[in-house]
Each structure stands twice: as C-alpha cells, then as structure tokens.
C-alpha cells in the first residue's frame, strides 16, 4: 500500500509545452529573455548596458532535461568561453505558465535554480 500512496502523490511534470517558446527569468537582479525554437536557443539580458547575447544548440535528453552547447557564433563572439562548454538543464517543476529549472555548467561550479515564465 505504501508504493501506491507514493504514486498518488507523485507530481506529474508537463515539460512538453516548454520545449519551444519565449521565456523571461531574473538572475542577480537582471532580467533575461530566452527564446527556444527547435534545436536553437538564444538568450540575452534586457537591463544590462553591455548585454551578453548568446545562442546555443539544444539537445533534449528526455522530456524534462536538455543540454545547451554554445554555437559557433557564440564561440566566435566570446573567445574565452571554454570549447568544451556544456550547460545541462533539468525542469523540476511546472505550472500553467512557468517552470523551475536546475542548471549546471561544465565550466563553472555550482547549480543555479531559476524560474522561467512564458511571455508572449
């Protein structure tokens, strides 16, 4: 009966609806815009004087996890970026118009937890 109880309370994530779209997130007081279409993602900060804009190739590992690898354009624009740079993202919670993600990067220690809100 204990196994059945866990099944009843397990959260069902609806990650499919977040595979493509335009999202907003705030990190260290700065607002980022993220656009993901197919296998490409672009991101930039809207309230920074010298806004960092990057593009990534997206590879979905499963319905709620994916990796981001900077594109050639990003490596050309930011030559100090490690050539082995990979960001791994796991969607950990979903709501009707947002999701929470846990991100780790191969080139920096630690984990970043952030909320991504759908914008039109």
Protein backbone atom coordinates (compact mmCIF):
# COMPACT_ATOMS: atom_id res chain seq x y z
CA UNK A 1 0.00 0.00 0.00
CA UNK A 2 2.95 2.36 0.62
CA UNK A 3 4.03 2.16 -3.04
CA UNK A 4 0.52 3.02 -4.14
CA UNK A 5 0.48 6.08 -1.86
CA UNK A 6 3.69 7.42 -3.39
CA UNK A 7 2.19 7.00 -6.86
CA UNK A 8 -0.88 9.00 -5.90
CA UNK A 9 1.16 11.96 -4.66
CA UNK A 10 3.91 11.94 -7.28
CA UNK A 11 3.95 15.18 -9.25
CA UNK A 12 3.39 14.90 -12.97
CA UNK A 13 5.54 17.36 -14.90
CA UNK A 14 4.21 18.83 -18.14
CA UNK A 15 7.55 19.66 -19.79
CA UNK A 16 6.45 19.26 -23.41
CA UNK A 17 4.77 22.66 -23.54
CA UNK A 18 8.08 24.36 -22.62
CA UNK A 19 10.22 22.85 -25.38
CA UNK A 20 9.68 25.93 -27.55
CA UNK A 21 8.70 29.46 -26.68
CA UNK A 22 9.79 32.79 -25.28
CA UNK A 23 10.58 32.98 -21.58
CA UNK A 24 11.70 35.52 -19.00
CA UNK A 25 13.83 34.92 -15.95
CA UNK A 26 15.52 37.12 -13.36
CA UNK A 27 19.04 36.33 -12.20
CA UNK A 28 21.02 38.52 -9.76
CA UNK A 29 18.58 41.36 -10.35
CA UNK A 30 18.89 41.21 -14.14
CA UNK A 31 16.12 40.14 -16.50
CA UNK A 32 16.95 37.61 -19.19
CA UNK A 33 14.92 36.77 -22.28
CA UNK A 34 15.26 33.21 -23.56
CA UNK A 35 13.84 32.07 -26.89
CA UNK A 36 13.87 28.39 -27.75
CA UNK A 37 12.75 27.14 -31.18
CA UNK A 38 13.51 23.60 -32.24
CA UNK A 39 17.19 22.89 -31.66
CA UNK A 40 18.24 26.55 -31.16
CA UNK A 41 18.09 28.77 -28.09
CA UNK A 42 19.08 32.43 -27.79
CA UNK A 43 19.39 34.42 -24.56
CA UNK A 44 20.15 37.99 -23.63
CA UNK A 45 19.76 40.35 -20.68
CA UNK A 46 17.45 43.32 -21.29
CA UNK A 47 18.60 45.60 -18.49
CA UNK A 48 22.38 45.49 -18.81
CA UNK A 49 24.40 48.21 -20.54
CA UNK A 50 26.58 45.70 -22.40
CA UNK A 51 24.05 42.92 -22.86
CA UNK A 52 25.52 39.50 -23.34
CA UNK A 53 23.72 37.71 -26.18
CA UNK A 54 24.40 34.05 -26.83
CA UNK A 55 22.97 31.26 -28.91
CA UNK A 56 23.02 27.57 -28.15
CA UNK A 57 22.32 24.24 -29.80
CA UNK A 58 19.66 22.39 -27.79
CA UNK A 59 19.66 18.62 -27.37
CA UNK A 60 16.78 17.10 -25.40
CA UNK A 61 17.93 14.13 -23.28
CA UNK A 62 14.37 13.24 -22.21
CA UNK A 63 11.08 15.09 -21.87
CA UNK A 64 12.33 17.28 -18.98
CA UNK A 65 16.13 17.54 -19.43
CA UNK A 66 18.32 19.04 -22.12
CA UNK A 67 21.81 20.28 -22.84
CA UNK A 68 22.93 23.60 -24.28
CA UNK A 69 26.15 23.89 -26.29
CA UNK A 70 27.23 27.34 -27.46
CA UNK A 71 27.02 27.79 -31.24
CA UNK A 72 30.00 28.69 -33.41
CA UNK A 73 28.75 32.29 -33.42
CA UNK A 74 28.85 32.38 -29.61
CA UNK A 75 32.37 30.89 -29.51
CA UNK A 76 33.49 33.47 -32.11
CA UNK A 77 31.92 36.35 -30.15
CA UNK A 78 33.24 35.15 -26.76
CA UNK A 79 36.64 33.51 -27.41
CA UNK A 80 37.33 32.96 -23.68
CA UNK A 81 34.38 30.57 -23.49
CA UNK A 82 35.77 27.03 -22.99
CA UNK A 83 35.45 24.95 -26.17
CA UNK A 84 34.05 22.08 -24.06
CA UNK A 85 31.28 24.26 -22.59
CA UNK A 86 28.01 22.40 -21.92
CA UNK A 87 25.09 23.50 -19.78
CA UNK A 88 22.74 20.81 -18.50
CA UNK A 89 19.19 21.84 -17.60
CA UNK A 90 16.58 19.82 -15.73
CA UNK A 91 13.00 21.03 -15.40
CA UNK A 92 11.99 20.24 -11.82
CA UNK A 93 8.54 21.83 -11.53
CA UNK A 94 5.89 23.12 -13.92
CA UNK A 95 2.84 25.37 -13.60
CA UNK A 96 0.36 26.63 -16.18
CA UNK A 97 2.73 29.37 -17.41
CA UNK A 98 6.15 28.76 -15.85
CA UNK A 99 8.68 26.15 -14.91
CA UNK A 100 11.51 25.82 -12.43
CA UNK A 101 14.84 24.61 -13.73
CA UNK A 102 18.08 23.40 -12.22
CA UNK A 103 21.14 24.24 -14.35
CA UNK A 104 24.76 23.14 -14.13
CA UNK A 105 27.65 24.12 -16.39
CA UNK A 106 30.77 22.18 -17.26
CA UNK A 107 32.88 25.33 -16.92
CA UNK A 108 31.75 26.69 -13.54
CA UNK A 109 30.98 25.08 -10.16
CA UNK A 110 27.58 25.02 -8.55
CA UNK A 111 23.94 24.75 -9.51
CA UNK A 112 21.58 27.55 -10.46
CA UNK A 113 17.87 27.20 -9.74
CA UNK A 114 15.65 29.62 -11.62
CA UNK A 115 12.07 30.14 -12.69
CA UNK A 116 11.23 30.61 -16.38
CA UNK A 117 8.00 32.44 -17.12
CA UNK A 118 6.30 32.23 -20.53
CA UNK A 119 5.99 35.59 -22.26
CA UNK A 120 4.11 36.29 -25.46
